């Protein structure tokens, strides 16, 4: 794999982690592609605006995101990242404390930044 691309994706993943922790809608807006398709661990298919709205409204509050087992693979013009995370917070006032695995597809946008175009999460048992 191209080490510079891997480094860029690792940096983007960390920006994403911090944006989620801080509900930083501006940072999330830059990291999520307009055409984002996200299938969450409950099987719901969400778009970029759904994610931004959840953070902006305070519906989702994330207290802890601890990543582990992270892998990045370059395939053509996209980078695929997989990461296991321990996620603690609340959604609509209901607390959660889960171990999840995320798969994200990062695409190089026309402005030279990496954005997530698709993602999937599942609970790790």
N, C-alpha and C. Protein backbone atom coordinates (compact mmCIF):
# COMPACT_ATOMS: atom_id res chain seq x y z
N UNK A 1 0.85 -1.19 0.00
CA UNK A 1 0.00 0.00 0.00
C UNK A 1 0.88 1.24 0.00
N UNK A 2 0.39 2.28 -0.59
CA UNK A 2 1.06 3.56 -0.61
C UNK A 2 1.05 4.13 0.81
N UNK A 3 2.25 4.24 1.42
CA UNK A 3 2.34 4.67 2.82
C UNK A 3 1.79 6.06 3.05
N UNK A 4 1.93 6.96 2.05
CA UNK A 4 1.43 8.32 2.25
C UNK A 4 -0.11 8.32 2.27
N UNK A 5 -0.74 7.48 1.46
CA UNK A 5 -2.20 7.39 1.49
C UNK A 5 -2.66 6.78 2.80
N UNK A 6 -1.98 5.74 3.24
CA UNK A 6 -2.33 5.12 4.53
C UNK A 6 -2.24 6.15 5.65
N UNK A 7 -1.20 6.96 5.64
CA UNK A 7 -1.04 8.02 6.66
C UNK A 7 -2.18 9.03 6.57
N UNK A 8 -2.55 9.41 5.34
CA UNK A 8 -3.66 10.36 5.16
C UNK A 8 -4.96 9.78 5.71
N UNK A 9 -5.22 8.51 5.46
CA UNK A 9 -6.46 7.90 5.93
C UNK A 9 -6.43 7.77 7.46
N UNK A 10 -5.30 7.41 8.02
CA UNK A 10 -5.19 7.35 9.49
C UNK A 10 -5.48 8.72 10.11
N UNK A 11 -4.97 9.77 9.49
CA UNK A 11 -5.25 11.13 9.98
C UNK A 11 -6.73 11.46 9.84
N UNK A 12 -7.33 11.07 8.70
CA UNK A 12 -8.76 11.33 8.49
C UNK A 12 -9.60 10.54 9.50
N UNK A 13 -9.21 9.31 9.79
CA UNK A 13 -9.92 8.51 10.79
C UNK A 13 -9.86 9.18 12.17
N UNK A 14 -8.71 9.75 12.51
CA UNK A 14 -8.59 10.43 13.81
C UNK A 14 -9.42 11.71 13.83
N UNK A 15 -9.44 12.44 12.71
CA UNK A 15 -10.31 13.63 12.62
C UNK A 15 -11.77 13.22 12.80
N UNK A 16 -12.16 12.11 12.21
CA UNK A 16 -13.52 11.60 12.34
C UNK A 16 -13.82 11.25 13.80
N UNK A 17 -12.91 10.57 14.45
CA UNK A 17 -13.10 10.19 15.86
C UNK A 17 -13.31 11.42 16.73
N UNK A 18 -12.48 12.42 16.54
CA UNK A 18 -12.59 13.65 17.34
C UNK A 18 -13.88 14.40 17.01
N UNK A 19 -14.25 14.44 15.72
CA UNK A 19 -15.49 15.12 15.32
C UNK A 19 -16.70 14.44 15.94
N UNK A 20 -16.69 13.10 15.98
CA UNK A 20 -17.80 12.37 16.59
C UNK A 20 -17.86 12.62 18.10
N UNK A 21 -16.72 12.60 18.75
CA UNK A 21 -16.67 12.84 20.20
C UNK A 21 -17.19 14.23 20.56
N UNK A 22 -16.88 15.20 19.73
CA UNK A 22 -17.23 16.59 20.01
C UNK A 22 -18.49 17.05 19.30
N UNK A 23 -19.16 16.13 18.59
CA UNK A 23 -20.31 16.50 17.76
C UNK A 23 -20.00 17.74 16.93
N UNK A 24 -18.81 17.72 16.34
CA UNK A 24 -18.34 18.83 15.51
C UNK A 24 -18.94 18.69 14.11
N UNK A 25 -20.10 19.30 13.91
CA UNK A 25 -20.84 19.16 12.66
C UNK A 25 -20.06 19.71 11.48
N UNK A 26 -19.30 20.77 11.67
CA UNK A 26 -18.50 21.33 10.57
C UNK A 26 -17.44 20.35 10.10
N UNK A 27 -16.75 19.72 11.04
CA UNK A 27 -15.73 18.73 10.68
C UNK A 27 -16.39 17.51 10.04
N UNK A 28 -17.51 17.06 10.59
CA UNK A 28 -18.22 15.92 10.00
C UNK A 28 -18.68 16.24 8.58
N UNK A 29 -19.13 17.46 8.37
CA UNK A 29 -19.57 17.89 7.04
C UNK A 29 -18.44 17.76 6.02
N UNK A 30 -17.22 18.06 6.44
CA UNK A 30 -16.06 17.96 5.54
C UNK A 30 -15.65 16.50 5.30
N UNK A 31 -15.86 15.65 6.30
CA UNK A 31 -15.40 14.26 6.22
C UNK A 31 -16.40 13.32 5.54
N UNK A 32 -17.66 13.69 5.55
CA UNK A 32 -18.70 12.84 4.96
C UNK A 32 -19.05 13.34 3.57
N UNK A 33 -19.02 12.46 2.60
CA UNK A 33 -19.39 12.83 1.23
C UNK A 33 -20.89 13.09 1.15
N UNK A 34 -21.31 13.98 0.26
CA UNK A 34 -22.74 14.26 0.12
C UNK A 34 -23.56 13.01 -0.17
N UNK A 35 -22.99 12.06 -0.89
CA UNK A 35 -23.70 10.85 -1.27
C UNK A 35 -23.53 9.69 -0.28
N UNK A 36 -23.07 9.99 0.94
CA UNK A 36 -22.83 8.96 1.97
C UNK A 36 -24.01 8.00 2.11
N UNK A 37 -23.67 6.72 2.17
CA UNK A 37 -24.62 5.67 2.55
C UNK A 37 -24.03 4.98 3.77
N UNK A 38 -24.74 5.02 4.88
CA UNK A 38 -24.27 4.41 6.12
C UNK A 38 -25.31 3.41 6.61
N UNK A 39 -24.91 2.16 6.70
CA UNK A 39 -25.78 1.13 7.27
C UNK A 39 -25.29 0.89 8.69
N UNK A 40 -26.15 1.20 9.67
CA UNK A 40 -25.72 1.07 11.05
C UNK A 40 -25.94 -0.35 11.58
N UNK A 41 -25.56 -0.57 12.83
CA UNK A 41 -25.61 -1.90 13.43
C UNK A 41 -27.04 -2.40 13.64
N UNK A 42 -28.04 -1.54 13.43
CA UNK A 42 -29.43 -1.95 13.54
C UNK A 42 -30.06 -2.18 12.16
N UNK A 43 -29.24 -2.06 11.12
CA UNK A 43 -29.72 -2.30 9.77
C UNK A 43 -30.36 -1.09 9.11
N UNK A 44 -30.34 0.05 9.78
CA UNK A 44 -30.91 1.26 9.20
C UNK A 44 -29.93 1.86 8.20
N UNK A 45 -30.46 2.35 7.09
CA UNK A 45 -29.64 3.01 6.08
C UNK A 45 -29.82 4.51 6.24
N UNK A 46 -28.73 5.20 6.49
CA UNK A 46 -28.76 6.63 6.76
C UNK A 46 -27.89 7.38 5.77
N UNK A 47 -28.16 8.65 5.62
CA UNK A 47 -27.37 9.52 4.76
C UNK A 47 -26.59 10.54 5.58
N UNK A 48 -25.87 11.37 4.88
CA UNK A 48 -25.05 12.39 5.52
C UNK A 48 -25.88 13.30 6.42
N UNK A 49 -27.00 13.79 5.92
CA UNK A 49 -27.81 14.73 6.69
C UNK A 49 -28.36 14.09 7.96
N UNK A 50 -28.69 12.80 7.89
CA UNK A 50 -29.15 12.08 9.09
C UNK A 50 -28.08 12.12 10.18
N UNK A 51 -26.84 11.86 9.78
CA UNK A 51 -25.73 11.86 10.73
C UNK A 51 -25.50 13.25 11.30
N UNK A 52 -25.45 14.25 10.42
CA UNK A 52 -25.23 15.62 10.87
C UNK A 52 -26.35 16.07 11.82
N UNK A 53 -27.60 15.76 11.47
CA UNK A 53 -28.74 16.15 12.31
C UNK A 53 -28.67 15.52 13.70
N UNK A 54 -28.27 14.25 13.77
CA UNK A 54 -28.19 13.57 15.07
C UNK A 54 -27.17 14.25 15.98
N UNK A 55 -26.06 14.69 15.41
CA UNK A 55 -25.05 15.38 16.21
C UNK A 55 -25.48 16.80 16.55
N UNK A 56 -26.02 17.50 15.56
CA UNK A 56 -26.40 18.90 15.77
C UNK A 56 -27.52 19.03 16.81
N UNK A 57 -28.47 18.11 16.79
CA UNK A 57 -29.61 18.16 17.71
C UNK A 57 -29.27 17.66 19.11
N UNK A 58 -28.15 16.98 19.24
CA UNK A 58 -27.80 16.39 20.53
C UNK A 58 -28.43 15.02 20.74
N UNK A 59 -29.09 14.50 19.72
CA UNK A 59 -29.71 13.18 19.82
C UNK A 59 -28.67 12.11 20.11
N UNK A 60 -27.50 12.25 19.48
CA UNK A 60 -26.40 11.33 19.77
C UNK A 60 -25.34 12.07 20.56
N UNK A 61 -24.90 11.44 21.63
CA UNK A 61 -23.83 11.98 22.47
C UNK A 61 -22.84 10.87 22.70
N UNK A 62 -21.63 11.08 22.24
CA UNK A 62 -20.59 10.07 22.36
C UNK A 62 -19.57 10.52 23.39
N UNK A 63 -19.33 9.66 24.36
CA UNK A 63 -18.40 9.97 25.45
C UNK A 63 -17.04 9.32 25.24
N UNK A 64 -17.03 8.13 24.65
CA UNK A 64 -15.79 7.37 24.47
C UNK A 64 -15.79 6.70 23.11
N UNK A 65 -14.69 6.85 22.40
CA UNK A 65 -14.44 6.08 21.18
C UNK A 65 -12.99 5.60 21.28
N UNK A 66 -12.83 4.32 21.54
CA UNK A 66 -11.49 3.76 21.65
C UNK A 66 -11.27 2.79 20.50
N UNK A 67 -10.46 3.18 19.52
CA UNK A 67 -10.22 2.31 18.36
C UNK A 67 -9.16 1.24 18.64
N UNK A 68 -9.31 0.11 17.94
CA UNK A 68 -8.29 -0.94 17.96
C UNK A 68 -8.43 -1.73 16.67
N UNK A 69 -7.51 -2.59 16.42
CA UNK A 69 -7.54 -3.48 15.25
C UNK A 69 -7.88 -2.73 13.96
N UNK A 70 -7.15 -1.66 13.71
CA UNK A 70 -7.41 -0.85 12.52
C UNK A 70 -6.57 -1.34 11.35
N UNK A 71 -7.22 -1.42 10.18
CA UNK A 71 -6.55 -1.85 8.96
C UNK A 71 -7.03 -0.96 7.81
N UNK A 72 -6.11 -0.61 6.94
CA UNK A 72 -6.44 0.20 5.77
C UNK A 72 -5.93 -0.51 4.53
N UNK A 73 -6.78 -0.54 3.51
CA UNK A 73 -6.41 -1.20 2.26
C UNK A 73 -6.80 -0.29 1.09
N UNK A 74 -5.89 -0.12 0.17
CA UNK A 74 -6.14 0.68 -1.02
C UNK A 74 -6.64 -0.23 -2.13
N UNK A 75 -7.78 0.15 -2.74
CA UNK A 75 -8.36 -0.62 -3.84
C UNK A 75 -8.72 0.39 -4.93
N UNK A 76 -7.98 0.39 -6.00
CA UNK A 76 -8.23 1.37 -7.06
C UNK A 76 -8.09 2.78 -6.52
N UNK A 77 -9.13 3.57 -6.70
CA UNK A 77 -9.10 4.98 -6.29
C UNK A 77 -9.73 5.21 -4.92
N UNK A 78 -9.98 4.15 -4.17
CA UNK A 78 -10.59 4.31 -2.85
C UNK A 78 -9.73 3.62 -1.79
N UNK A 79 -9.92 4.02 -0.56
CA UNK A 79 -9.28 3.37 0.57
C UNK A 79 -10.38 2.79 1.44
N UNK A 80 -10.18 1.57 1.89
CA UNK A 80 -11.14 0.90 2.76
C UNK A 80 -10.49 0.77 4.13
N UNK A 81 -11.19 1.25 5.14
CA UNK A 81 -10.68 1.11 6.51
C UNK A 81 -11.64 0.24 7.30
N UNK A 82 -11.06 -0.60 8.13
CA UNK A 82 -11.84 -1.36 9.09
C UNK A 82 -11.24 -1.07 10.46
N UNK A 83 -12.12 -0.89 11.42
CA UNK A 83 -11.64 -0.59 12.77
C UNK A 83 -12.65 -1.12 13.78
N UNK A 84 -12.13 -1.68 14.83
CA UNK A 84 -12.96 -2.09 15.97
C UNK A 84 -12.93 -0.93 16.95
N UNK A 85 -14.09 -0.58 17.51
CA UNK A 85 -14.13 0.51 18.48
C UNK A 85 -14.98 0.13 19.67
N UNK A 86 -14.57 0.65 20.82
CA UNK A 86 -15.41 0.61 22.01
C UNK A 86 -16.08 1.98 22.04
N UNK A 87 -17.41 1.97 21.99
CA UNK A 87 -18.20 3.20 21.86
C UNK A 87 -19.14 3.32 23.05
N UNK A 88 -19.06 4.44 23.76
CA UNK A 88 -19.91 4.70 24.92
C UNK A 88 -20.58 6.04 24.73
N UNK A 89 -21.87 6.09 25.00
CA UNK A 89 -22.60 7.34 24.89
C UNK A 89 -24.08 7.12 25.06
N UNK A 90 -24.88 7.95 24.38
CA UNK A 90 -26.33 7.77 24.42
C UNK A 90 -26.92 8.21 23.08
N UNK A 91 -28.07 7.61 22.77
CA UNK A 91 -28.81 7.97 21.57
C UNK A 91 -30.26 8.16 21.98
N UNK A 92 -30.78 9.35 21.75
CA UNK A 92 -32.15 9.70 22.15
C UNK A 92 -32.36 9.42 23.64
N UNK A 93 -31.32 9.70 24.42
CA UNK A 93 -31.42 9.53 25.87
C UNK A 93 -31.20 8.12 26.37
N UNK A 94 -31.01 7.17 25.47
CA UNK A 94 -30.80 5.78 25.86
C UNK A 94 -29.31 5.49 25.83
N UNK A 95 -28.73 5.12 26.99
CA UNK A 95 -27.29 4.87 27.03
C UNK A 95 -26.89 3.62 26.23
N UNK A 96 -25.68 3.66 25.69
CA UNK A 96 -25.11 2.48 25.03
C UNK A 96 -23.64 2.35 25.41
N UNK A 97 -23.18 1.13 25.39
CA UNK A 97 -21.78 0.78 25.66
C UNK A 97 -21.52 -0.46 24.82
N UNK A 98 -20.99 -0.25 23.63
CA UNK A 98 -20.87 -1.34 22.66
C UNK A 98 -19.46 -1.45 22.09
N UNK A 99 -19.13 -2.65 21.69
CA UNK A 99 -17.97 -2.89 20.85
C UNK A 99 -18.51 -3.07 19.43
N UNK A 100 -18.02 -2.25 18.53
CA UNK A 100 -18.50 -2.26 17.15
C UNK A 100 -17.33 -2.42 16.20
N UNK A 101 -17.62 -2.90 15.01
CA UNK A 101 -16.66 -2.90 13.92
C UNK A 101 -17.23 -2.01 12.83
N UNK A 102 -16.43 -1.08 12.37
CA UNK A 102 -16.81 -0.19 11.27
C UNK A 102 -15.99 -0.53 10.04
N UNK A 103 -16.63 -0.51 8.90
CA UNK A 103 -15.95 -0.56 7.61
C UNK A 103 -16.34 0.73 6.91
N UNK A 104 -15.33 1.48 6.47
CA UNK A 104 -15.59 2.75 5.79
C UNK A 104 -14.86 2.79 4.46
N UNK A 105 -15.53 3.32 3.47
CA UNK A 105 -14.91 3.50 2.16
C UNK A 105 -14.64 4.99 1.98
N UNK A 106 -13.37 5.32 1.85
CA UNK A 106 -12.91 6.69 1.69
C UNK A 106 -12.59 6.93 0.22
N UNK A 107 -13.08 8.05 -0.29
CA UNK A 107 -12.85 8.45 -1.68
C UNK A 107 -12.14 9.80 -1.69
N UNK A 108 -11.20 9.95 -2.61
CA UNK A 108 -10.50 11.23 -2.73
C UNK A 108 -11.40 12.20 -3.48
N UNK A 109 -11.86 13.24 -2.80
CA UNK A 109 -12.77 14.23 -3.39
C UNK A 109 -12.01 15.15 -4.35
N UNK A 110 -12.76 15.88 -5.14
CA UNK A 110 -12.15 16.76 -6.15
C UNK A 110 -11.28 17.86 -5.53
N UNK A 111 -11.53 18.20 -4.26
CA UNK A 111 -10.72 19.22 -3.59
C UNK A 111 -9.48 18.64 -2.93
N UNK A 112 -9.23 17.33 -3.12
CA UNK A 112 -8.03 16.71 -2.58
C UNK A 112 -8.17 16.17 -1.18
N UNK A 113 -9.36 16.24 -0.60
CA UNK A 113 -9.58 15.70 0.74
C UNK A 113 -10.23 14.32 0.64
N UNK A 114 -10.03 13.51 1.65
CA UNK A 114 -10.65 12.19 1.71
C UNK A 114 -12.00 12.31 2.40
N UNK A 115 -13.02 11.69 1.80
CA UNK A 115 -14.36 11.69 2.37
C UNK A 115 -14.93 10.29 2.38
N UNK A 116 -15.78 10.01 3.36
CA UNK A 116 -16.43 8.72 3.46
C UNK A 116 -17.64 8.72 2.53
N UNK A 117 -17.66 7.73 1.63
CA UNK A 117 -18.80 7.60 0.71
C UNK A 117 -19.74 6.48 1.14
N UNK A 118 -19.22 5.53 1.89
CA UNK A 118 -20.05 4.42 2.38
C UNK A 118 -19.44 3.89 3.68
N UNK A 119 -20.33 3.43 4.56
CA UNK A 119 -19.87 2.87 5.83
C UNK A 119 -20.87 1.84 6.32
N UNK A 120 -20.38 0.93 7.13
CA UNK A 120 -21.21 -0.10 7.73
C UNK A 120 -20.69 -0.37 9.12
N UNK A 121 -21.59 -0.60 10.05
CA UNK A 121 -21.16 -0.97 11.41
C UNK A 121 -21.90 -2.21 11.85
N UNK A 122 -21.25 -2.98 12.69
CA UNK A 122 -21.89 -4.15 13.28
C UNK A 122 -21.38 -4.34 14.70
N UNK A 123 -22.19 -4.96 15.51
CA UNK A 123 -21.82 -5.23 16.90
C UNK A 123 -20.85 -6.41 16.92
N UNK A 124 -19.80 -6.26 17.71
CA UNK A 124 -18.83 -7.34 17.90
C UNK A 124 -19.27 -8.13 19.14
N UNK A 125 -19.47 -9.40 18.95
CA UNK A 125 -19.92 -10.25 20.07
C UNK A 125 -18.74 -10.96 20.68
